[in-house]
Protein backbone atom coordinates (compact mmCIF):
# COMPACT_ATOMS: atom_id res chain seq x y z
CA MET A 1 -62.16 62.76 -26.13
CA LYS A 2 -59.14 65.03 -26.55
CA ASP A 3 -58.55 65.00 -22.79
CA LEU A 4 -58.83 61.21 -22.62
CA ALA A 5 -56.49 60.84 -25.58
CA ASP A 6 -53.90 63.10 -23.98
CA LEU A 7 -54.22 61.17 -20.72
CA ALA A 8 -53.62 57.85 -22.47
CA LEU A 9 -50.64 59.06 -24.48
CA ARG A 10 -48.97 60.61 -21.43
CA ALA A 11 -49.49 57.36 -19.54
CA VAL A 12 -47.90 55.12 -22.17
CA ARG A 13 -44.89 57.43 -22.45
CA GLN A 14 -44.41 57.32 -18.69
CA GLN A 15 -44.53 53.53 -18.82
CA GLY A 16 -41.74 53.30 -21.38
CA ALA A 17 -43.50 53.28 -24.75
CA THR A 18 -41.49 54.72 -27.62
CA TYR A 19 -44.69 55.01 -29.63
CA GLY A 20 -48.39 54.93 -28.79
CA ASP A 21 -51.75 55.67 -30.35
CA ILE A 22 -55.38 55.54 -29.26
CA ARG A 23 -58.49 55.07 -31.41
CA PHE A 24 -61.98 55.90 -30.20
CA THR A 25 -64.66 54.28 -32.38
CA HIS A 26 -68.45 54.65 -32.35
CA ARG A 27 -70.29 52.60 -34.98
CA LEU A 28 -74.00 52.63 -35.81
CA THR A 29 -75.36 49.88 -38.06
CA GLU A 30 -78.73 48.95 -39.52
CA SER A 31 -79.84 46.09 -41.75
CA ILE A 32 -83.24 45.16 -43.20
CA GLY A 33 -84.16 41.98 -45.02
CA VAL A 34 -87.41 41.02 -46.73
CA LYS A 35 -88.36 37.65 -48.19
CA ASN A 36 -91.46 36.60 -50.11
CA GLY A 37 -93.56 39.56 -49.05
CA THR A 38 -92.61 39.66 -45.37
CA VAL A 39 -89.98 41.38 -43.29
CA GLU A 40 -87.55 38.62 -42.39
CA SER A 41 -84.98 40.60 -40.39
CA LEU A 42 -84.49 43.97 -38.76
CA ALA A 43 -81.30 44.69 -36.87
CA SER A 44 -79.54 47.74 -35.51
CA GLY A 45 -76.31 48.14 -33.61
CA ASP A 46 -74.63 50.78 -31.49
CA ASP A 47 -71.06 49.84 -30.64
CA ARG A 48 -68.41 52.02 -29.06
CA GLY A 49 -65.07 51.71 -27.34
CA PHE A 50 -61.37 52.47 -27.65
CA GLY A 51 -58.12 50.66 -28.29
CA ILE A 52 -54.56 51.60 -27.33
CA ARG A 53 -51.57 50.39 -29.34
CA VAL A 54 -47.98 50.85 -28.15
CA ILE A 55 -44.39 49.90 -28.90
CA VAL A 56 -42.20 49.01 -25.91
CA ASP A 57 -38.70 47.58 -26.31
CA GLY A 58 -39.33 47.23 -30.06
CA ALA A 59 -42.52 45.13 -29.78
CA TRP A 60 -46.25 45.79 -30.11
CA GLY A 61 -48.83 45.70 -27.37
CA PHE A 62 -52.56 46.32 -27.68
CA ALA A 63 -55.48 46.51 -25.28
CA SER A 64 -59.04 47.82 -25.54
CA SER A 65 -62.23 48.52 -23.62
CA SER A 66 -65.83 49.54 -24.14
CA MET A 67 -65.89 51.68 -20.97
CA LEU A 68 -65.00 55.34 -21.38
CA SER A 69 -63.58 56.82 -18.19
CA ARG A 70 -60.29 58.24 -16.98
CA GLU A 71 -59.69 55.22 -14.78
CA GLU A 72 -60.35 52.77 -17.61
CA VAL A 73 -58.13 54.65 -20.04
CA LEU A 74 -55.26 54.48 -17.56
CA ARG A 75 -55.87 50.79 -16.90
CA VAL A 76 -55.91 49.93 -20.62
CA ALA A 77 -52.80 52.02 -21.25
CA GLU A 78 -50.97 50.05 -18.56
CA GLU A 79 -52.24 46.73 -19.93
CA ALA A 80 -51.10 47.57 -23.48
CA THR A 81 -47.59 48.45 -22.29
CA LYS A 82 -47.36 45.26 -20.20
CA ILE A 83 -48.35 43.17 -23.21
CA ALA A 84 -45.74 44.94 -25.37
CA ARG A 85 -43.02 44.39 -22.78
CA ALA A 86 -43.89 40.70 -22.58
CA SER A 87 -43.97 40.40 -26.39
CA ALA A 88 -40.51 41.96 -26.57
CA LEU A 89 -39.07 38.92 -24.81
CA LEU A 90 -39.85 36.83 -27.91
CA LYS A 91 -39.43 39.37 -30.70
CA GLN A 92 -37.44 38.28 -33.74
CA ALA A 93 -36.78 41.82 -34.95
CA LYS A 94 -37.27 45.31 -33.61
CA THR A 95 -40.37 47.10 -34.88
CA VAL A 96 -39.47 50.16 -36.94
CA LEU A 97 -42.10 52.57 -38.25
CA SER A 98 -41.84 54.73 -41.34
CA THR A 99 -42.20 58.42 -40.66
CA VAL A 100 -45.49 60.26 -41.04
CA GLU A 101 -46.17 63.96 -40.75
CA PRO A 102 -48.24 64.67 -37.59
CA VAL A 103 -51.56 66.23 -38.50
CA THR A 104 -54.63 67.73 -36.88
CA ASP A 105 -57.51 67.29 -39.27
CA SER A 106 -61.03 66.00 -39.86
CA TYR A 107 -62.77 64.11 -42.66
CA ARG A 108 -66.43 63.37 -43.32
CA THR A 109 -68.16 61.37 -46.05
CA PRO A 110 -70.15 63.72 -48.31
CA VAL A 111 -73.78 62.80 -47.62
CA GLY A 112 -76.98 64.13 -49.18
CA THR A 113 -79.52 62.29 -47.02
CA ASP A 114 -78.40 60.63 -43.80
CA PRO A 115 -79.56 56.99 -44.11
CA PHE A 116 -80.25 56.91 -40.38
CA ALA A 117 -82.63 59.87 -40.74
CA VAL A 118 -84.87 58.03 -43.23
CA LYS A 119 -87.93 56.46 -41.62
CA LEU A 120 -87.74 52.72 -41.13
CA GLU A 121 -91.19 52.22 -42.65
CA ASP A 122 -90.07 54.02 -45.83
CA LYS A 123 -87.09 51.70 -46.19
CA VAL A 124 -89.21 48.62 -45.62
CA ARG A 125 -91.80 49.84 -48.12
CA LEU A 126 -89.10 50.39 -50.76
CA LEU A 127 -87.84 46.83 -50.31
CA LEU A 128 -91.25 45.19 -50.25
CA GLU A 129 -92.33 46.97 -53.42
CA ALA A 130 -89.21 45.83 -55.26
CA GLU A 131 -89.45 42.27 -53.94
CA GLU A 132 -93.09 41.99 -55.03
CA LEU A 133 -92.14 42.92 -58.58
CA LEU A 134 -89.59 40.09 -58.71
CA HIS A 135 -92.48 37.63 -58.82
CA LYS A 136 -93.99 39.25 -61.92
CA GLY A 137 -91.06 37.88 -63.88
CA GLY A 138 -92.37 34.32 -63.56
CA ALA A 139 -92.54 31.44 -61.09
CA ILE A 140 -90.10 32.70 -58.47
CA ARG A 141 -89.74 30.45 -55.43
CA VAL A 142 -87.85 32.97 -53.30
CA GLY A 143 -87.68 36.74 -53.68
CA GLU A 144 -85.40 38.70 -51.37
CA GLY A 145 -84.32 42.27 -50.75
CA THR A 146 -81.77 43.82 -48.39
CA LEU A 147 -80.78 47.29 -47.27
CA GLY A 148 -77.92 48.19 -44.96
CA ALA A 149 -76.28 51.29 -43.52
CA MET A 150 -73.32 52.15 -41.30
CA LYS A 151 -72.02 55.32 -39.73
CA GLU A 152 -68.65 55.17 -38.01
CA ARG A 153 -67.14 58.02 -36.03
CA LYS A 154 -63.44 57.65 -35.26
CA ILE A 155 -60.86 59.68 -33.39
CA PHE A 156 -57.16 58.86 -33.74
CA ALA A 157 -54.39 60.39 -31.63
CA SER A 158 -50.71 59.46 -31.39
CA THR A 159 -47.64 60.25 -29.34
CA GLU A 160 -46.22 61.83 -32.52
CA GLY A 161 -48.79 64.62 -32.30
CA SER A 162 -51.61 63.60 -34.66
CA TYR A 163 -55.27 64.15 -33.76
CA ILE A 164 -57.73 63.14 -36.49
CA GLU A 165 -61.52 62.98 -36.43
CA GLN A 166 -63.44 61.09 -39.14
CA GLU A 167 -67.06 60.21 -39.87
CA ILE A 168 -67.60 57.53 -42.51
CA THR A 169 -71.16 56.87 -43.73
CA GLU A 170 -72.17 54.11 -46.11
CA CYS A 171 -75.33 52.43 -47.33
CA GLY A 172 -76.67 50.22 -50.08
CA GLY A 173 -78.64 47.09 -50.84
CA GLY A 174 -79.97 44.79 -53.50
CA ILE A 175 -82.59 42.27 -54.61
CA SER A 176 -82.43 38.66 -55.81
CA ALA A 177 -84.81 36.10 -57.27
CA LEU A 178 -84.53 32.32 -56.99
CA ALA A 179 -86.36 30.22 -59.56
CA VAL A 180 -86.80 26.46 -59.03
CA ALA A 181 -88.07 23.74 -61.37
CA ALA A 182 -87.41 20.03 -61.95
CA GLY A 183 -84.74 19.79 -59.30
CA GLU A 184 -82.83 22.81 -60.59
CA MET A 185 -82.53 26.33 -59.25
CA GLN A 186 -81.19 29.54 -60.74
CA ARG A 187 -80.62 32.93 -59.13
CA ARG A 188 -80.49 36.44 -60.55
CA SER A 189 -79.43 39.47 -58.56
CA TYR A 190 -79.41 43.24 -58.93
CA PRO A 191 -77.36 45.39 -58.89
CA ASN A 192 -74.84 42.79 -57.72
CA ALA A 193 -74.76 39.48 -55.89
CA HIS A 194 -73.77 38.88 -52.26
CA ARG A 195 -76.01 41.51 -50.60
CA GLY A 196 -76.02 44.02 -53.45
CA HIS A 197 -74.06 47.21 -53.94
CA TYR A 198 -72.78 49.73 -51.34
CA ALA A 199 -71.06 53.11 -51.35
CA THR A 200 -69.83 55.77 -48.95
CA ARG A 201 -72.75 58.04 -49.73
CA GLY A 202 -76.10 58.95 -48.27
CA PHE A 203 -79.52 57.38 -48.85
CA GLU A 204 -79.68 59.07 -52.24
CA PHE A 205 -77.42 56.24 -53.40
CA VAL A 206 -80.09 53.64 -52.50
CA GLU A 207 -82.71 55.65 -54.36
CA GLU A 208 -80.48 55.83 -57.43
CA LEU A 209 -80.21 52.04 -57.48
CA ALA A 210 -83.89 52.02 -58.53
CA LEU A 211 -84.44 48.47 -57.27
CA ALA A 212 -88.11 48.38 -58.26
CA ASP A 213 -87.33 49.43 -61.85
CA GLU A 214 -85.12 46.38 -62.39
CA ALA A 215 -87.05 43.81 -60.35
CA GLU A 216 -89.31 42.37 -63.05
CA ARG A 217 -86.35 41.82 -65.41
CA VAL A 218 -84.38 40.12 -62.64
CA GLY A 219 -87.22 37.71 -61.89
CA ARG A 220 -87.83 36.97 -65.53
CA GLN A 221 -84.18 36.15 -66.20
CA ALA A 222 -84.04 33.81 -63.22
CA VAL A 223 -86.91 31.81 -64.76
CA GLU A 224 -85.37 31.92 -68.25
CA LEU A 225 -82.13 30.48 -66.89
CA LEU A 226 -83.94 27.27 -65.97
CA GLU A 227 -84.43 26.53 -69.66
CA ALA A 228 -81.18 28.01 -70.92
CA LYS A 229 -78.45 25.85 -72.46
CA GLN A 230 -75.44 24.89 -70.36
CA CYS A 231 -72.30 26.98 -70.67
CA PRO A 232 -70.15 25.51 -73.48
CA SER A 233 -66.81 24.01 -72.44
CA GLY A 234 -63.38 24.67 -73.87
CA GLU A 235 -60.99 27.55 -74.39
CA GLN A 236 -63.06 30.65 -74.93
CA THR A 237 -62.79 34.36 -75.46
CA LEU A 238 -64.47 35.88 -72.39
CA ILE A 239 -65.88 39.35 -71.90
CA LEU A 240 -66.48 39.88 -68.20
CA SER A 241 -68.87 42.51 -66.87
CA GLY A 242 -67.65 45.01 -64.30
CA THR A 243 -69.65 43.18 -61.63
CA GLN A 244 -67.66 39.98 -62.17
CA LEU A 245 -64.36 41.78 -62.69
CA ALA A 246 -64.80 43.47 -59.30
CA LEU A 247 -64.43 40.11 -57.53
CA GLN A 248 -61.76 38.92 -59.97
CA ILE A 249 -59.70 42.01 -59.10
CA HIS A 250 -60.39 41.53 -55.40
CA GLU A 251 -59.20 37.93 -55.24
CA SER A 252 -56.40 37.83 -57.82
CA CYS A 253 -55.01 41.39 -57.59
CA GLY A 254 -56.06 42.99 -54.30
CA HIS A 255 -55.14 40.24 -51.85
CA PRO A 256 -51.78 39.31 -53.44
CA VAL A 257 -50.42 42.87 -53.06
CA GLU A 258 -51.07 43.07 -49.29
CA LEU A 259 -47.51 43.13 -47.94
CA ASP A 260 -48.36 41.41 -44.65
CA ARG A 261 -49.47 38.36 -46.67
CA VAL A 262 -46.20 38.42 -48.59
CA TYR A 263 -44.19 38.42 -45.33
CA GLY A 264 -46.30 35.62 -43.84
CA THR A 265 -47.82 37.58 -40.94
CA GLU A 266 -51.22 36.98 -42.56
CA ALA A 267 -51.13 33.33 -43.48
CA SER A 268 -53.24 30.92 -41.46
CA TYR A 269 -56.65 32.50 -42.17
CA ALA A 270 -56.43 33.71 -45.76
CA GLY A 271 -53.13 32.45 -47.08
CA THR A 272 -49.98 34.13 -48.32
CA SER A 273 -49.07 35.48 -51.78
CA PHE A 274 -47.16 34.42 -54.89
CA LEU A 275 -46.07 38.04 -55.33
CA THR A 276 -42.71 37.86 -53.53
CA PRO A 277 -40.52 41.00 -53.10
CA GLU A 278 -38.04 40.28 -55.93
CA LYS A 279 -40.96 40.74 -58.37
CA LEU A 280 -41.50 44.37 -57.34
CA GLY A 281 -40.93 46.74 -60.26
CA SER A 282 -40.24 44.11 -62.92
CA PHE A 283 -42.79 41.29 -62.84
CA ARG A 284 -45.23 41.18 -65.76
CA TYR A 285 -48.55 40.74 -63.99
CA GLY A 286 -50.71 41.35 -67.04
CA SER A 287 -50.82 42.69 -70.56
CA GLU A 288 -50.14 46.33 -71.44
CA ASN A 289 -53.91 46.90 -71.22
CA VAL A 290 -53.89 46.19 -67.47
CA ASN A 291 -53.55 49.27 -65.26
CA ILE A 292 -54.62 48.79 -61.64
CA THR A 293 -54.57 51.41 -58.89
CA ALA A 294 -55.24 51.52 -55.17
CA ASP A 295 -57.26 54.66 -54.53
CA ALA A 296 -58.54 55.68 -51.11
CA THR A 297 -59.50 59.12 -52.45
CA VAL A 298 -62.09 58.32 -55.16
CA PRO A 299 -65.54 59.63 -54.15
CA GLY A 300 -68.10 57.03 -53.04
CA GLY A 301 -65.84 54.01 -52.66
CA LEU A 302 -66.18 51.66 -49.70
CA GLY A 303 -62.40 51.91 -49.46
CA THR A 304 -62.49 55.72 -49.38
CA TYR A 305 -61.40 57.68 -46.29
CA GLY A 306 -59.33 60.64 -45.20
CA TYR A 307 -56.77 58.77 -43.09
CA ASP A 308 -56.08 55.15 -42.26
CA ASP A 309 -55.95 53.87 -38.69
CA GLU A 310 -52.28 54.80 -38.32
CA GLY A 311 -52.97 58.44 -39.19
CA VAL A 312 -51.54 58.12 -42.72
CA PRO A 313 -53.47 60.02 -45.43
CA GLY A 314 -55.51 58.01 -47.93
CA GLN A 315 -53.65 57.87 -51.24
CA HIS A 316 -53.92 57.05 -54.94
CA ILE A 317 -51.08 54.72 -55.94
CA PRO A 318 -50.29 52.61 -59.02
CA ILE A 319 -50.30 48.86 -58.37
CA ILE A 320 -49.89 47.61 -61.93
CA GLU A 321 -48.80 49.93 -64.77
CA GLN A 322 -49.19 48.64 -68.31
CA GLY A 323 -49.01 45.14 -66.90
CA ILE A 324 -45.91 45.64 -64.69
CA PHE A 325 -46.20 45.19 -60.92
CA ARG A 326 -45.26 48.48 -59.21
CA ASN A 327 -46.45 48.66 -55.59
CA TYR A 328 -47.71 46.74 -52.58
CA LEU A 329 -50.27 47.88 -50.03
CA THR A 330 -48.14 48.77 -47.01
CA SER A 331 -48.19 49.84 -43.38
CA ARG A 332 -45.80 51.96 -41.33
CA GLU A 333 -44.20 48.73 -40.10
CA THR A 334 -43.86 46.88 -43.42
CA ALA A 335 -42.96 49.78 -45.74
CA PRO A 336 -39.42 50.38 -44.35
CA SER A 337 -38.36 46.90 -45.49
CA LEU A 338 -38.83 48.20 -49.05
CA GLY A 339 -37.22 51.55 -48.32
CA GLN A 340 -40.63 53.22 -48.52
CA SER A 341 -43.16 55.06 -46.38
CA SER A 342 -46.64 53.69 -45.69
CA ASN A 343 -49.20 54.26 -48.43
CA GLY A 344 -52.03 54.41 -45.89
CA THR A 345 -53.87 51.07 -46.00
CA MET A 346 -54.06 50.06 -42.31
CA ARG A 347 -57.62 49.68 -41.02
CA ALA A 348 -59.26 47.94 -38.08
CA ASP A 349 -62.75 46.46 -37.89
CA GLY A 350 -63.73 48.22 -34.69
CA TRP A 351 -62.21 49.46 -31.47
CA ASN A 352 -61.19 46.02 -30.16
CA ARG A 353 -59.03 45.04 -33.14
CA MET A 354 -55.53 46.10 -34.16
CA PRO A 355 -55.35 47.60 -37.66
CA ILE A 356 -54.03 45.36 -40.43
CA ILE A 357 -53.31 45.99 -44.11
CA ARG A 358 -56.58 46.15 -46.04
CA MET A 359 -57.51 46.94 -49.59
CA THR A 360 -58.78 50.44 -50.35
CA ASN A 361 -60.48 50.80 -53.75
CA ILE A 362 -58.51 48.49 -56.04
CA ASN A 363 -59.48 49.60 -59.53
CA LEU A 364 -58.92 48.42 -63.08
CA GLU A 365 -58.49 51.72 -64.86
CA PRO A 366 -60.62 52.40 -67.96
CA GLY A 367 -59.37 51.54 -71.43
CA ASP A 368 -60.24 52.78 -74.92
CA TRP A 369 -63.01 50.40 -75.98
CA SER A 370 -66.74 50.37 -75.47
CA LEU A 371 -68.61 47.20 -74.50
CA GLU A 372 -70.46 47.34 -77.83
CA GLU A 373 -67.18 47.57 -79.78
CA MET A 374 -65.73 44.69 -77.79
CA ILE A 375 -68.67 42.42 -78.60
CA LYS A 376 -68.65 43.39 -82.29
CA ASP A 377 -64.93 42.62 -82.42
CA THR A 378 -65.40 39.11 -80.98
CA ARG A 379 -66.21 36.32 -83.43
CA ARG A 380 -66.94 33.61 -80.85
CA GLY A 381 -67.01 33.87 -77.09
CA LEU A 382 -69.00 34.41 -73.91
CA PHE A 383 -70.22 37.50 -72.07
CA LEU A 384 -70.48 36.73 -68.33
CA GLU A 385 -72.19 38.80 -65.65
CA ILE A 386 -72.47 38.91 -61.81
CA ASN A 387 -70.52 36.55 -59.59
CA LYS A 388 -72.09 33.34 -58.30
CA SER A 389 -69.14 31.46 -56.78
CA TRP A 390 -65.40 31.68 -56.38
CA SER A 391 -62.40 29.67 -55.26
CA ILE A 392 -58.69 30.57 -55.20
CA ASP A 393 -55.65 28.98 -53.62
CA ASP A 394 -53.76 30.41 -50.64
CA LYS A 395 -51.10 32.04 -52.83
CA ARG A 396 -53.74 33.65 -55.09
CA LEU A 397 -52.58 31.84 -58.20
CA ASN A 398 -55.07 29.14 -59.25
CA PHE A 399 -58.69 30.28 -59.36
CA GLN A 400 -62.14 29.22 -60.46
CA PHE A 401 -65.16 31.52 -60.77
CA GLY A 402 -68.81 30.98 -61.59
CA THR A 403 -71.26 33.65 -62.68
CA GLU A 404 -75.04 33.89 -62.49
CA ILE A 405 -75.59 34.26 -66.19
CA GLY A 406 -73.89 34.40 -69.57
CA TRP A 407 -74.59 34.88 -73.24
CA GLU A 408 -72.83 33.37 -76.19
CA ILE A 409 -71.19 35.80 -78.59
CA ILE A 410 -71.61 34.72 -82.19
CA ASP A 411 -70.14 36.70 -85.07
CA GLY A 412 -69.99 39.92 -83.10
CA SER A 413 -73.47 39.78 -81.56
CA LEU A 414 -74.95 38.51 -78.31
CA GLY A 415 -76.57 35.14 -78.85
CA PRO A 416 -78.38 32.63 -76.63
CA MET A 417 -78.38 32.85 -72.83
CA VAL A 418 -76.28 30.20 -71.06
CA LYS A 419 -76.53 28.96 -67.49
CA ASN A 420 -73.96 27.86 -64.90
CA PRO A 421 -71.01 29.63 -66.55
CA THR A 422 -67.62 28.92 -65.01
CA TYR A 423 -64.04 29.70 -65.93
CA THR A 424 -60.64 28.87 -64.48
CA GLY A 425 -57.10 30.18 -64.78
CA ILE A 426 -53.76 31.13 -63.26
CA THR A 427 -53.50 34.76 -62.18
CA PRO A 428 -50.60 36.09 -64.33
CA GLN A 429 -51.62 34.08 -67.38
CA PHE A 430 -55.19 35.30 -67.08
CA TRP A 431 -54.31 39.00 -66.77
CA ASN A 432 -51.79 38.68 -69.61
CA SER A 433 -54.62 37.44 -71.84
CA CYS A 434 -56.50 40.75 -71.45
CA ASP A 435 -56.57 42.47 -74.84
CA ALA A 436 -59.32 45.07 -74.35
CA VAL A 437 -60.79 47.16 -71.53
CA ALA A 438 -63.87 49.35 -71.87
CA GLY A 439 -63.72 53.08 -71.22
CA LYS A 440 -65.01 55.59 -68.69
CA GLU A 441 -68.62 55.46 -69.87
CA ASP A 442 -68.78 51.76 -68.88
CA TRP A 443 -66.66 52.08 -65.72
CA GLN A 444 -68.28 51.77 -62.28
CA LEU A 445 -67.01 51.60 -58.72
CA TRP A 446 -68.48 48.57 -56.92
CA GLY A 447 -68.71 48.18 -53.14
CA THR A 448 -67.71 44.97 -51.35
CA PRO A 449 -68.74 45.11 -47.66
CA ASN A 450 -67.58 41.64 -46.63
CA CYS A 451 -63.84 41.11 -47.11
CA GLY A 452 -62.63 38.75 -44.38
CA LYS A 453 -59.07 38.68 -43.08
CA GLY A 454 -57.13 38.26 -39.85
CA GLU A 455 -57.35 36.25 -36.65
CA PRO A 456 -59.47 37.23 -34.78
CA GLY A 457 -61.45 37.79 -37.94
CA GLN A 458 -62.01 41.30 -39.26
CA MET A 459 -64.50 42.31 -41.95
CA ALA A 460 -63.35 45.15 -44.21
CA HIS A 461 -65.40 47.28 -46.56
CA VAL A 462 -63.54 47.77 -49.85
CA GLY A 463 -64.25 48.93 -53.38
CA HIS A 464 -63.36 47.87 -56.92
CA GLY A 465 -63.77 50.01 -60.01
CA ALA A 466 -64.03 48.22 -63.34
CA ALA A 467 -65.43 48.36 -66.83
CA PRO A 468 -66.03 45.24 -68.95
CA ALA A 469 -62.83 43.66 -70.26
CA ARG A 470 -61.95 40.91 -72.74
CA PHE A 471 -59.71 37.91 -72.10
CA ARG A 472 -58.52 35.45 -74.76
CA ASN A 473 -58.07 31.66 -74.55
CA VAL A 474 -59.60 31.15 -71.10
CA LYS A 475 -60.74 27.70 -69.98
CA ALA A 476 -64.50 27.85 -69.50
CA GLY A 477 -67.25 25.39 -68.64
CA VAL A 478 -66.73 21.89 -67.32
CA GLY A 479 -63.90 19.92 -68.83
CA LYS A 480 -60.81 17.83 -68.17
CA TRP A 481 -58.07 20.40 -68.04
């Protein structure tokens, strides 16, 4: 690959590029799904190719191919430069990149057991055993289990002299139970909804999830929800579990700080952002209890890597410090407008896509409370767990979330289970209402393997660390607000 990379970079220089890079990507994927005692789906993928990105006359060009040969590399290099030259005819401003130190390096996910080395029949058996136990919890109409794995090998080389090899491995899964009675249905999931929980680790992570150990409880709670009381309506004190906070952070903190959204280059698919540049460094995003970081270095996160797809090292940066907005997620192209260098958040979903700004691991840092202390300190409220639904406007301001389950808090203790919990709010008001965050012992890094963005669409794998947190005077339930 080094020879092909050198060939491509020489070619784009000869054709007038002031900058060029090439990414070789080879991705292996596997997914398994079981449903009601049978294997419903088995899929595997083996995808490889390369993409060349160049700047000519101050404009970008990009081309890609799945064929690896000297002739094809030269053809794609020429195509990328032609596209850039044509784009330059309509450019509104010259593309300027922040500097980055050229590096020759490699990075590999620490893995105990390669998930692709585990026998398929062992994975299926693990899922079927857990799914069978879901039904012991009661009259479950649908029991499901999923496992997934990915291994991506990437090589990045640039005209500035970088040559970086990376191997990212991830895996995970989950189970869910659907109970139905009298025209109503309720779902419970473990360890999280929306396909479960994933990490950049080996198959030991799946084993640690202990799906079978939790299955009977999950099924039983799904049935109990059918008879539970409806979530009470009105302004409430909410304590949100880390599972729900992960998505709250994703939608109302992670997406708004993507600088391409702020500048409108990511608008038609997923909207823009209320977090305009004059707010940087002074805007009160949340209370003093709210400290949020972007961390591509934390072990095990789906947003963890050595280098992004521009060859910039993964970094740990403050996003919100004691409630004050401090940093955006940036690229080499967007960072100079703020007088900064890229903080390493550009990633592409495969060889045939240009990298765009993506979340890394966007984490709510631990506080000083415990979940038990938080509940004891709450006279009346709700404890909500695991996301069920979400909606947020294109500027990431007005939101509505539903969770799978909740419990009333009465005089400092957990009370009756409630079903169909929902809450709504406006992003800065909501985060300013946070008056307590649990500590390290309750903190967990959650994996989100399905963050959509871009046109053509790209699916990013990101992470969110959170411990339970408390929010005052939040509108919950169904009401006329």
